[in-house]
Amino acid sequence: MFLHIGSNYLLPKKEVVLIGDMDSITYSGISKEFLETAREEGFIIDCSEGKARSFILTAETIYFSMISSSTLEKRMKKIPGEDGGF
């Protein structure tokens, strides 16, 4: 099954390690530093069109999404076929 994260990006659900909220990351210096380093190293793909509300961590990449982390979490829990397979 796949997770739709916005802007026509689909990720295999089995590859998702973590879904995080962008607002909460601003409070942690370590998290900010982690994302800055990931951006410098080219590990971030911004699917949010500059309006990131959440991030999705996989083994190799961090995706920024305009969809809220709570909505993405609900999509991860959906039963296959219940809503178009997402």
PDB file of N, CA and C in Angstrom:
ATOM      1  N   MET A   1       0.833  -1.183   0.000  1.00  0.00           N
ATOM      2  CA  MET A   1       0.000   0.000   0.000  1.00  0.00           C
ATOM      3  C   MET A   1       0.880   1.250   0.000  1.00  0.00           C
ATOM      4  N   PHE A   2       0.299   2.342  -0.401  1.00  0.00           N
ATOM      5  CA  PHE A   2       1.026   3.592  -0.546  1.00  0.00           C
ATOM      6  C   PHE A   2       0.409   4.696   0.303  1.00  0.00           C
ATOM      7  N   LEU A   3       1.249   5.647   0.652  1.00  0.00           N
ATOM      8  CA  LEU A   3       0.830   6.828   1.394  1.00  0.00           C
ATOM      9  C   LEU A   3       0.965   8.038   0.478  1.00  0.00           C
ATOM     10  N   HIS A   4      -0.148   8.731   0.233  1.00  0.00           N
ATOM     11  CA  HIS A   4      -0.117   9.954  -0.571  1.00  0.00           C
ATOM     12  C   HIS A   4       0.296  11.100   0.336  1.00  0.00           C
ATOM     13  N   ILE A   5       1.415  11.764   0.007  1.00  0.00           N
ATOM     14  CA  ILE A   5       1.926  12.840   0.870  1.00  0.00           C
ATOM     15  C   ILE A   5       1.770  14.223   0.241  1.00  0.00           C
ATOM     16  N   GLY A   6       1.070  14.294  -0.884  1.00  0.00           N
ATOM     17  CA  GLY A   6       0.820  15.576  -1.538  1.00  0.00           C
ATOM     18  C   GLY A   6       1.635  15.747  -2.804  1.00  0.00           C
ATOM     19  N   SER A   7       1.202  16.661  -3.638  1.00  0.00           N
ATOM     20  CA  SER A   7       1.882  16.994  -4.900  1.00  0.00           C
ATOM     21  C   SER A   7       2.204  15.757  -5.733  1.00  0.00           C
ATOM     22  N   ASN A   8       1.271  14.830  -5.799  1.00  0.00           N
ATOM     23  CA  ASN A   8       1.414  13.618  -6.598  1.00  0.00           C
ATOM     24  C   ASN A   8       2.557  12.703  -6.160  1.00  0.00           C
ATOM     25  N   TYR A   9       2.961  12.788  -4.901  1.00  0.00           N
ATOM     26  CA  TYR A   9       3.978  11.888  -4.358  1.00  0.00           C
ATOM     27  C   TYR A   9       3.303  10.772  -3.574  1.00  0.00           C
ATOM     28  N   LEU A  10       3.712   9.550  -3.868  1.00  0.00           N
ATOM     29  CA  LEU A  10       3.245   8.372  -3.150  1.00  0.00           C
ATOM     30  C   LEU A  10       4.462   7.633  -2.610  1.00  0.00           C
ATOM     31  N   LEU A  11       4.379   7.229  -1.351  1.00  0.00           N
ATOM     32  CA  LEU A  11       5.455   6.458  -0.733  1.00  0.00           C
ATOM     33  C   LEU A  11       4.911   5.101  -0.310  1.00  0.00           C
ATOM     34  N   PRO A  12       5.691   4.049  -0.496  1.00  0.00           N
ATOM     35  CA  PRO A  12       5.263   2.764   0.052  1.00  0.00           C
ATOM     36  C   PRO A  12       5.163   2.875   1.571  1.00  0.00           C
ATOM     37  N   LYS A  13       4.036   2.465   2.138  1.00  0.00           N
ATOM     38  CA  LYS A  13       3.830   2.586   3.588  1.00  0.00           C
ATOM     39  C   LYS A  13       4.917   1.864   4.379  1.00  0.00           C
ATOM     40  N   LYS A  14       5.410   0.752   3.849  1.00  0.00           N
ATOM     41  CA  LYS A  14       6.413  -0.028   4.568  1.00  0.00           C
ATOM     42  C   LYS A  14       7.749   0.712   4.687  1.00  0.00           C
ATOM     43  N   GLU A  15       7.966   1.753   3.888  1.00  0.00           N
ATOM     44  CA  GLU A  15       9.209   2.522   3.943  1.00  0.00           C
ATOM     45  C   GLU A  15       9.157   3.672   4.951  1.00  0.00           C
ATOM     46  N   VAL A  16       7.974   4.012   5.438  1.00  0.00           N
ATOM     47  CA  VAL A  16       7.817   5.136   6.361  1.00  0.00           C
ATOM     48  C   VAL A  16       8.310   4.731   7.745  1.00  0.00           C
ATOM     49  N   VAL A  17       9.300   5.482   8.242  1.00  0.00           N
ATOM     50  CA  VAL A  17       9.861   5.237   9.566  1.00  0.00           C
ATOM     51  C   VAL A  17       9.195   6.141  10.593  1.00  0.00           C
ATOM     52  N   LEU A  18       8.952   7.400  10.210  1.00  0.00           N
ATOM     53  CA  LEU A  18       8.428   8.389  11.147  1.00  0.00           C
ATOM     54  C   LEU A  18       7.671   9.466  10.386  1.00  0.00           C
ATOM     55  N   ILE A  19       6.576   9.921  10.963  1.00  0.00           N
ATOM     56  CA  ILE A  19       5.858  11.097  10.475  1.00  0.00           C
ATOM     57  C   ILE A  19       5.928  12.123  11.586  1.00  0.00           C
ATOM     58  N   GLY A  20       6.464  13.301  11.274  1.00  0.00           N
ATOM     59  CA  GLY A  20       6.629  14.331  12.292  1.00  0.00           C
ATOM     60  C   GLY A  20       5.951  15.628  11.921  1.00  0.00           C
ATOM     61  N   ASP A  21       5.692  16.439  12.919  1.00  0.00           N
ATOM     62  CA  ASP A  21       5.040  17.733  12.765  1.00  0.00           C
ATOM     63  C   ASP A  21       6.110  18.823  12.675  1.00  0.00           C
ATOM     64  N   MET A  22       6.025  19.673  11.675  1.00  0.00           N
ATOM     65  CA  MET A  22       7.029  20.726  11.489  1.00  0.00           C
ATOM     66  C   MET A  22       7.014  21.744  12.626  1.00  0.00           C
ATOM     67  N   ASP A  23       5.840  22.019  13.199  1.00  0.00           N
ATOM     68  CA  ASP A  23       5.770  22.975  14.298  1.00  0.00           C
ATOM     69  C   ASP A  23       6.543  22.480  15.514  1.00  0.00           C
ATOM     70  N   SER A  24       6.448  21.208  15.814  1.00  0.00           N
ATOM     71  CA  SER A  24       7.104  20.670  16.996  1.00  0.00           C
ATOM     72  C   SER A  24       8.617  20.615  16.837  1.00  0.00           C
ATOM     73  N   ILE A  25       9.092  20.519  15.608  1.00  0.00           N
ATOM     74  CA  ILE A  25      10.530  20.416  15.381  1.00  0.00           C
ATOM     75  C   ILE A  25      11.248  21.733  15.653  1.00  0.00           C
ATOM     76  N   THR A  26      10.528  22.840  15.571  1.00  0.00           N
ATOM     77  CA  THR A  26      11.157  24.142  15.794  1.00  0.00           C
ATOM     78  C   THR A  26      11.562  24.347  17.254  1.00  0.00           C
ATOM     79  N   TYR A  27      11.018  23.524  18.155  1.00  0.00           N
ATOM     80  CA  TYR A  27      11.347  23.652  19.575  1.00  0.00           C
ATOM     81  C   TYR A  27      12.621  22.907  19.960  1.00  0.00           C
ATOM     82  N   SER A  28      13.075  22.020  19.128  1.00  0.00           N
ATOM     83  CA  SER A  28      14.232  21.197  19.450  1.00  0.00           C
ATOM     84  C   SER A  28      15.429  21.608  18.602  1.00  0.00           C
ATOM     85  N   GLY A  29      16.490  22.027  19.258  1.00  0.00           N
ATOM     86  CA  GLY A  29      17.704  22.413  18.549  1.00  0.00           C
ATOM     87  C   GLY A  29      18.336  21.245  17.820  1.00  0.00           C
ATOM     88  N   ILE A  30      18.289  20.071  18.437  1.00  0.00           N
ATOM     89  CA  ILE A  30      18.870  18.877  17.818  1.00  0.00           C
ATOM     90  C   ILE A  30      18.100  18.512  16.552  1.00  0.00           C
ATOM     91  N   SER A  31      16.779  18.591  16.610  1.00  0.00           N
ATOM     92  CA  SER A  31      15.967  18.268  15.436  1.00  0.00           C
ATOM     93  C   SER A  31      16.209  19.262  14.309  1.00  0.00           C
ATOM     94  N   LYS A  32      16.307  20.529  14.661  1.00  0.00           N
ATOM     95  CA  LYS A  32      16.593  21.556  13.646  1.00  0.00           C
ATOM     96  C   LYS A  32      17.939  21.283  12.982  1.00  0.00           C
ATOM     97  N   GLU A  33      18.927  20.965  13.801  1.00  0.00           N
ATOM     98  CA  GLU A  33      20.269  20.683  13.286  1.00  0.00           C
ATOM     99  C   GLU A  33      20.245  19.455  12.368  1.00  0.00           C
ATOM    100  N   PHE A  34      19.487  18.429  12.773  1.00  0.00           N
ATOM    101  CA  PHE A  34      19.353  17.221  11.963  1.00  0.00           C
ATOM    102  C   PHE A  34      18.792  17.557  10.581  1.00  0.00           C
ATOM    103  N   LEU A  35      17.717  18.359  10.537  1.00  0.00           N
ATOM    104  CA  LEU A  35      17.108  18.712   9.252  1.00  0.00           C
ATOM    105  C   LEU A  35      18.024  19.606   8.417  1.00  0.00           C
ATOM    106  N   GLU A  36      18.741  20.515   9.059  1.00  0.00           N
ATOM    107  CA  GLU A  36      19.669  21.375   8.323  1.00  0.00           C
ATOM    108  C   GLU A  36      20.768  20.540   7.678  1.00  0.00           C
ATOM    109  N   THR A  37      21.311  19.586   8.428  1.00  0.00           N
ATOM    110  CA  THR A  37      22.350  18.707   7.893  1.00  0.00           C
ATOM    111  C   THR A  37      21.799  17.860   6.754  1.00  0.00           C
ATOM    112  N   ALA A  38      20.593  17.328   6.927  1.00  0.00           N
ATOM    113  CA  ALA A  38      19.962  16.520   5.878  1.00  0.00           C
ATOM    114  C   ALA A  38      19.754  17.340   4.609  1.00  0.00           C
ATOM    115  N   ARG A  39      19.363  18.600   4.776  1.00  0.00           N
ATOM    116  CA  ARG A  39      19.167  19.481   3.607  1.00  0.00           C
ATOM    117  C   ARG A  39      20.503  19.723   2.899  1.00  0.00           C
ATOM    118  N   GLU A  40      21.547  20.008   3.678  1.00  0.00           N
ATOM    119  CA  GLU A  40      22.874  20.247   3.099  1.00  0.00           C
ATOM    120  C   GLU A  40      23.397  19.022   2.354  1.00  0.00           C
ATOM    121  N   GLU A  41      23.086  17.842   2.860  1.00  0.00           N
ATOM    122  CA  GLU A  41      23.558  16.593   2.259  1.00  0.00           C
ATOM    123  C   GLU A  41      22.671  16.119   1.116  1.00  0.00           C
ATOM    124  N   GLY A  42      21.546  16.803   0.877  1.00  0.00           N
ATOM    125  CA  GLY A  42      20.665  16.464  -0.233  1.00  0.00           C
ATOM    126  C   GLY A  42      19.694  15.327   0.043  1.00  0.00           C
ATOM    127  N   PHE A  43      19.369  15.094   1.309  1.00  0.00           N
ATOM    128  CA  PHE A  43      18.470  14.009   1.676  1.00  0.00           C
ATOM    129  C   PHE A  43      17.007  14.449   1.801  1.00  0.00           C
ATOM    130  N   ILE A  44      16.708  15.707   1.507  1.00  0.00           N
ATOM    131  CA  ILE A  44      15.340  16.216   1.668  1.00  0.00           C
ATOM    132  C   ILE A  44      14.704  16.458   0.302  1.00  0.00           C
ATOM    133  N   ILE A  45      13.476  15.983   0.176  1.00  0.00           N
ATOM    134  CA  ILE A  45      12.650  16.281  -0.998  1.00  0.00           C
ATOM    135  C   ILE A  45      11.452  17.062  -0.490  1.00  0.00           C
ATOM    136  N   ASP A  46      11.296  18.279  -0.997  1.00  0.00           N
ATOM    137  CA  ASP A  46      10.209  19.150  -0.549  1.00  0.00           C
ATOM    138  C   ASP A  46       9.014  19.015  -1.479  1.00  0.00           C
ATOM    139  N   CYS A  47       7.988  18.293  -1.021  1.00  0.00           N
ATOM    140  CA  CYS A  47       6.747  18.093  -1.781  1.00  0.00           C
ATOM    141  C   CYS A  47       5.690  19.099  -1.368  1.00  0.00           C
ATOM    142  N   SER A  48       6.069  20.044  -0.517  1.00  0.00           N
ATOM    143  CA  SER A  48       5.086  20.924   0.120  1.00  0.00           C
ATOM    144  C   SER A  48       4.854  22.235  -0.606  1.00  0.00           C
ATOM    145  N   GLU A  49       5.577  22.459  -1.680  1.00  0.00           N
ATOM    146  CA  GLU A  49       5.481  23.728  -2.406  1.00  0.00           C
ATOM    147  C   GLU A  49       5.766  24.910  -1.481  1.00  0.00           C
ATOM    148  N   GLY A  50       6.701  24.703  -0.544  1.00  0.00           N
ATOM    149  CA  GLY A  50       7.101  25.760   0.383  1.00  0.00           C
ATOM    150  C   GLY A  50       6.173  25.950   1.572  1.00  0.00           C
ATOM    151  N   LYS A  51       5.221  25.041   1.757  1.00  0.00           N
ATOM    152  CA  LYS A  51       4.245  25.174   2.849  1.00  0.00           C
ATOM    153  C   LYS A  51       4.263  23.926   3.731  1.00  0.00           C
ATOM    154  N   ALA A  52       5.442  23.516   4.157  1.00  0.00           N
ATOM    155  CA  ALA A  52       5.592  22.267   4.911  1.00  0.00           C
ATOM    156  C   ALA A  52       4.868  22.315   6.253  1.00  0.00           C
ATOM    157  N   ARG A  53       4.034  21.310   6.475  1.00  0.00           N
ATOM    158  CA  ARG A  53       3.339  21.144   7.758  1.00  0.00           C
ATOM    159  C   ARG A  53       3.826  19.887   8.475  1.00  0.00           C
ATOM    160  N   SER A  54       4.441  18.977   7.705  1.00  0.00           N
ATOM    161  CA  SER A  54       4.916  17.729   8.291  1.00  0.00           C
ATOM    162  C   SER A  54       6.130  17.237   7.513  1.00  0.00           C
ATOM    163  N   PHE A  55       6.803  16.253   8.101  1.00  0.00           N
ATOM    164  CA  PHE A  55       7.893  15.598   7.392  1.00  0.00           C
ATOM    165  C   PHE A  55       7.745  14.096   7.563  1.00  0.00           C
ATOM    166  N   ILE A  56       8.211  13.370   6.560  1.00  0.00           N
ATOM    167  CA  ILE A  56       8.129  11.916   6.558  1.00  0.00           C
ATOM    168  C   ILE A  56       9.549  11.393   6.403  1.00  0.00           C
ATOM    169  N   LEU A  57       9.978  10.611   7.369  1.00  0.00           N
ATOM    170  CA  LEU A  57      11.321  10.050   7.376  1.00  0.00           C
ATOM    171  C   LEU A  57      11.266   8.627   6.846  1.00  0.00           C
ATOM    172  N   THR A  58      12.113   8.342   5.852  1.00  0.00           N
ATOM    173  CA  THR A  58      12.304   6.975   5.374  1.00  0.00           C
ATOM    174  C   THR A  58      13.761   6.622   5.624  1.00  0.00           C
ATOM    175  N   ALA A  59      14.173   5.439   5.265  1.00  0.00           N
ATOM    176  CA  ALA A  59      15.552   5.010   5.514  1.00  0.00           C
ATOM    177  C   ALA A  59      16.573   5.876   4.782  1.00  0.00           C
ATOM    178  N   GLU A  60      16.186   6.446   3.644  1.00  0.00           N
ATOM    179  CA  GLU A  60      17.147   7.183   2.829  1.00  0.00           C
ATOM    180  C   GLU A  60      16.805   8.646   2.584  1.00  0.00           C
ATOM    181  N   THR A  61      15.558   9.039   2.836  1.00  0.00           N
ATOM    182  CA  THR A  61      15.110  10.376   2.437  1.00  0.00           C
ATOM    183  C   THR A  61      14.158  10.952   3.474  1.00  0.00           C
ATOM    184  N   ILE A  62      14.122  12.287   3.535  1.00  0.00           N
ATOM    185  CA  ILE A  62      13.132  13.002   4.332  1.00  0.00           C
ATOM    186  C   ILE A  62      12.284  13.806   3.353  1.00  0.00           C
ATOM    187  N   TYR A  63      10.972  13.619   3.441  1.00  0.00           N
ATOM    188  CA  TYR A  63      10.037  14.325   2.570  1.00  0.00           C
ATOM    189  C   TYR A  63       9.300  15.369   3.387  1.00  0.00           C
ATOM    190  N   PHE A  64       9.180  16.585   2.855  1.00  0.00           N
ATOM    191  CA  PHE A  64       8.355  17.623   3.462  1.00  0.00           C
ATOM    192  C   PHE A  64       6.999  17.584   2.766  1.00  0.00           C
ATOM    193  N   SER A  65       5.935  17.660   3.562  1.00  0.00           N
ATOM    194  CA  SER A  65       4.582  17.585   3.015  1.00  0.00           C
ATOM    195  C   SER A  65       3.741  18.754   3.514  1.00  0.00           C
ATOM    196  N   MET A  66       2.812  19.188   2.679  1.00  0.00           N
ATOM    197  CA  MET A  66       1.872  20.242   3.068  1.00  0.00           C
ATOM    198  C   MET A  66       0.683  19.667   3.838  1.00  0.00           C
ATOM    199  N   ILE A  67       0.614  18.349   3.933  1.00  0.00           N
ATOM    200  CA  ILE A  67      -0.472  17.674   4.643  1.00  0.00           C
ATOM    201  C   ILE A  67      -0.074  17.509   6.103  1.00  0.00           C
ATOM    202  N   SER A  68      -1.012  17.741   7.007  1.00  0.00           N
ATOM    203  CA  SER A  68      -0.701  17.670   8.441  1.00  0.00           C
ATOM    204  C   SER A  68      -0.296  16.259   8.848  1.00  0.00           C
ATOM    205  N   SER A  69       0.520  16.179   9.885  1.00  0.00           N
ATOM    206  CA  SER A  69       0.981  14.878  10.367  1.00  0.00           C
ATOM    207  C   SER A  69      -0.188  14.025  10.863  1.00  0.00           C
ATOM    208  N   SER A  70      -1.206  14.647  11.432  1.00  0.00           N
ATOM    209  CA  SER A  70      -2.358  13.868  11.915  1.00  0.00           C
ATOM    210  C   SER A  70      -3.125  13.245  10.744  1.00  0.00           C
ATOM    211  N   THR A  71      -3.262  13.967   9.643  1.00  0.00           N
ATOM    212  CA  THR A  71      -3.927  13.423   8.461  1.00  0.00           C
ATOM    213  C   THR A  71      -3.104  12.286   7.862  1.00  0.00           C
ATOM    214  N   LEU A  72      -1.786  12.466   7.797  1.00  0.00           N
ATOM    215  CA  LEU A  72      -0.933  11.404   7.271  1.00  0.00           C
ATOM    216  C   LEU A  72      -1.005  10.157   8.154  1.00  0.00           C
ATOM    217  N   GLU A  73      -1.059  10.363   9.458  1.00  0.00           N
ATOM    218  CA  GLU A  73      -1.175   9.236  10.380  1.00  0.00           C
ATOM    219  C   GLU A  73      -2.475   8.465  10.128  1.00  0.00           C
ATOM    220  N   LYS A  74      -3.570   9.198   9.930  1.00  0.00           N
ATOM    221  CA  LYS A  74      -4.854   8.549   9.637  1.00  0.00           C
ATOM    222  C   LYS A  74      -4.773   7.753   8.340  1.00  0.00           C
ATOM    223  N   ARG A  75      -4.091   8.305   7.345  1.00  0.00           N
ATOM    224  CA  ARG A  75      -3.936   7.600   6.074  1.00  0.00           C
ATOM    225  C   ARG A  75      -3.120   6.321   6.241  1.00  0.00           C
ATOM    226  N   MET A  76      -2.138   6.358   7.125  1.00  0.00           N
ATOM    227  CA  MET A  76      -1.317   5.165   7.380  1.00  0.00           C
ATOM    228  C   MET A  76      -2.157   4.044   7.987  1.00  0.00           C
ATOM    229  N   LYS A  77      -3.175   4.401   8.758  1.00  0.00           N
ATOM    230  CA  LYS A  77      -3.992   3.419   9.462  1.00  0.00           C
ATOM    231  C   LYS A  77      -5.182   2.917   8.659  1.00  0.00           C
ATOM    232  N   LYS A  78      -5.475   3.539   7.533  1.00  0.00           N
ATOM    233  CA  LYS A  78      -6.646   3.149   6.733  1.00  0.00           C
ATOM    234  C   LYS A  78      -6.523   1.712   6.246  1.00  0.00           C
ATOM    235  N   ILE A  79      -7.641   1.060   6.202  1.00  0.00           N
ATOM    236  CA  ILE A  79      -7.715  -0.311   5.683  1.00  0.00           C
ATOM    237  C   ILE A  79      -7.619  -0.247   4.160  1.00  0.00           C
ATOM    238  N   PRO A  80      -6.802  -1.098   3.544  1.00  0.00           N
ATOM    239  CA  PRO A  80      -6.685  -1.087   2.077  1.00  0.00           C
ATOM    240  C   PRO A  80      -8.035  -1.203   1.390  1.00  0.00           C
ATOM    241  N   GLY A  81      -8.233  -0.349   0.389  1.00  0.00           N
ATOM    242  CA  GLY A  81      -9.465  -0.382  -0.381  1.00  0.00           C
ATOM    243  C   GLY A  81     -10.597   0.419   0.219  1.00  0.00           C
ATOM    244  N   GLU A  82     -10.431   0.884   1.458  1.00  0.00           N
ATOM    245  CA  GLU A  82     -11.496   1.613   2.141  1.00  0.00           C
ATOM    246  C   GLU A  82     -11.745   2.978   1.511  1.00  0.00           C
ATOM    247  N   ASP A  83     -10.680   3.619   1.053  1.00  0.00           N
ATOM    248  CA  ASP A  83     -10.811   4.958   0.471  1.00  0.00           C
ATOM    249  C   ASP A  83      -9.891   5.079  -0.738  1.00  0.00           C
ATOM    250  N   GLY A  84     -10.139   4.275  -1.736  1.00  0.00           N
ATOM    251  CA  GLY A  84      -9.318   4.320  -2.944  1.00  0.00           C
ATOM    252  C   GLY A  84      -7.958   3.690  -2.759  1.00  0.00           C
ATOM    253  N   GLY A  85      -7.723   3.007  -1.650  1.00  0.00           N
ATOM    254  CA  GLY A  85      -6.468   2.308  -1.440  1.00  0.00           C
ATOM    255  C   GLY A  85      -5.385   3.101  -0.756  1.00  0.00           C
ATOM    256  N   PHE A  86      -5.654   4.342  -0.383  1.00  0.00           N
ATOM    257  CA  PHE A  86      -4.619   5.140   0.272  1.00  0.00           C
ATOM    258  C   PHE A  86      -4.535   4.836   1.740  1.00  0.00           C
TER     259      PHE A  86
END
